[in-house]
């Protein structure tokens, strides 16, 4: 899996290289069609957006791993120090107000 993750930026760069190299040919063959130019721009944007999607997936996977690790330790509070639920700081006063 690590080798795949390390290869992704190079794959992205090669895809962009191919799009950039073939874009002038496609534009000429499509007779300067505006629709084809929009498709080319969308293709470039899509490939460049992969970086954002990889970052979000990595952040999500890391958060999920941390969540499941915390749940695995939840039944052993003696081993977990300083971990409290996010709502532990909320204090409800006798008047019903939240402090």
Foldseek 3Di string as FASTA:
>chain_A
DVVVVVCLVVVLVVQLVVLVVCVVVQCVVVVNDPVSVVVSVVSNVVSVCVVVVVVVVVVVVVVVVVVVVCVVCVVPVVVDPPDDDPCPVWDQDPVRDID
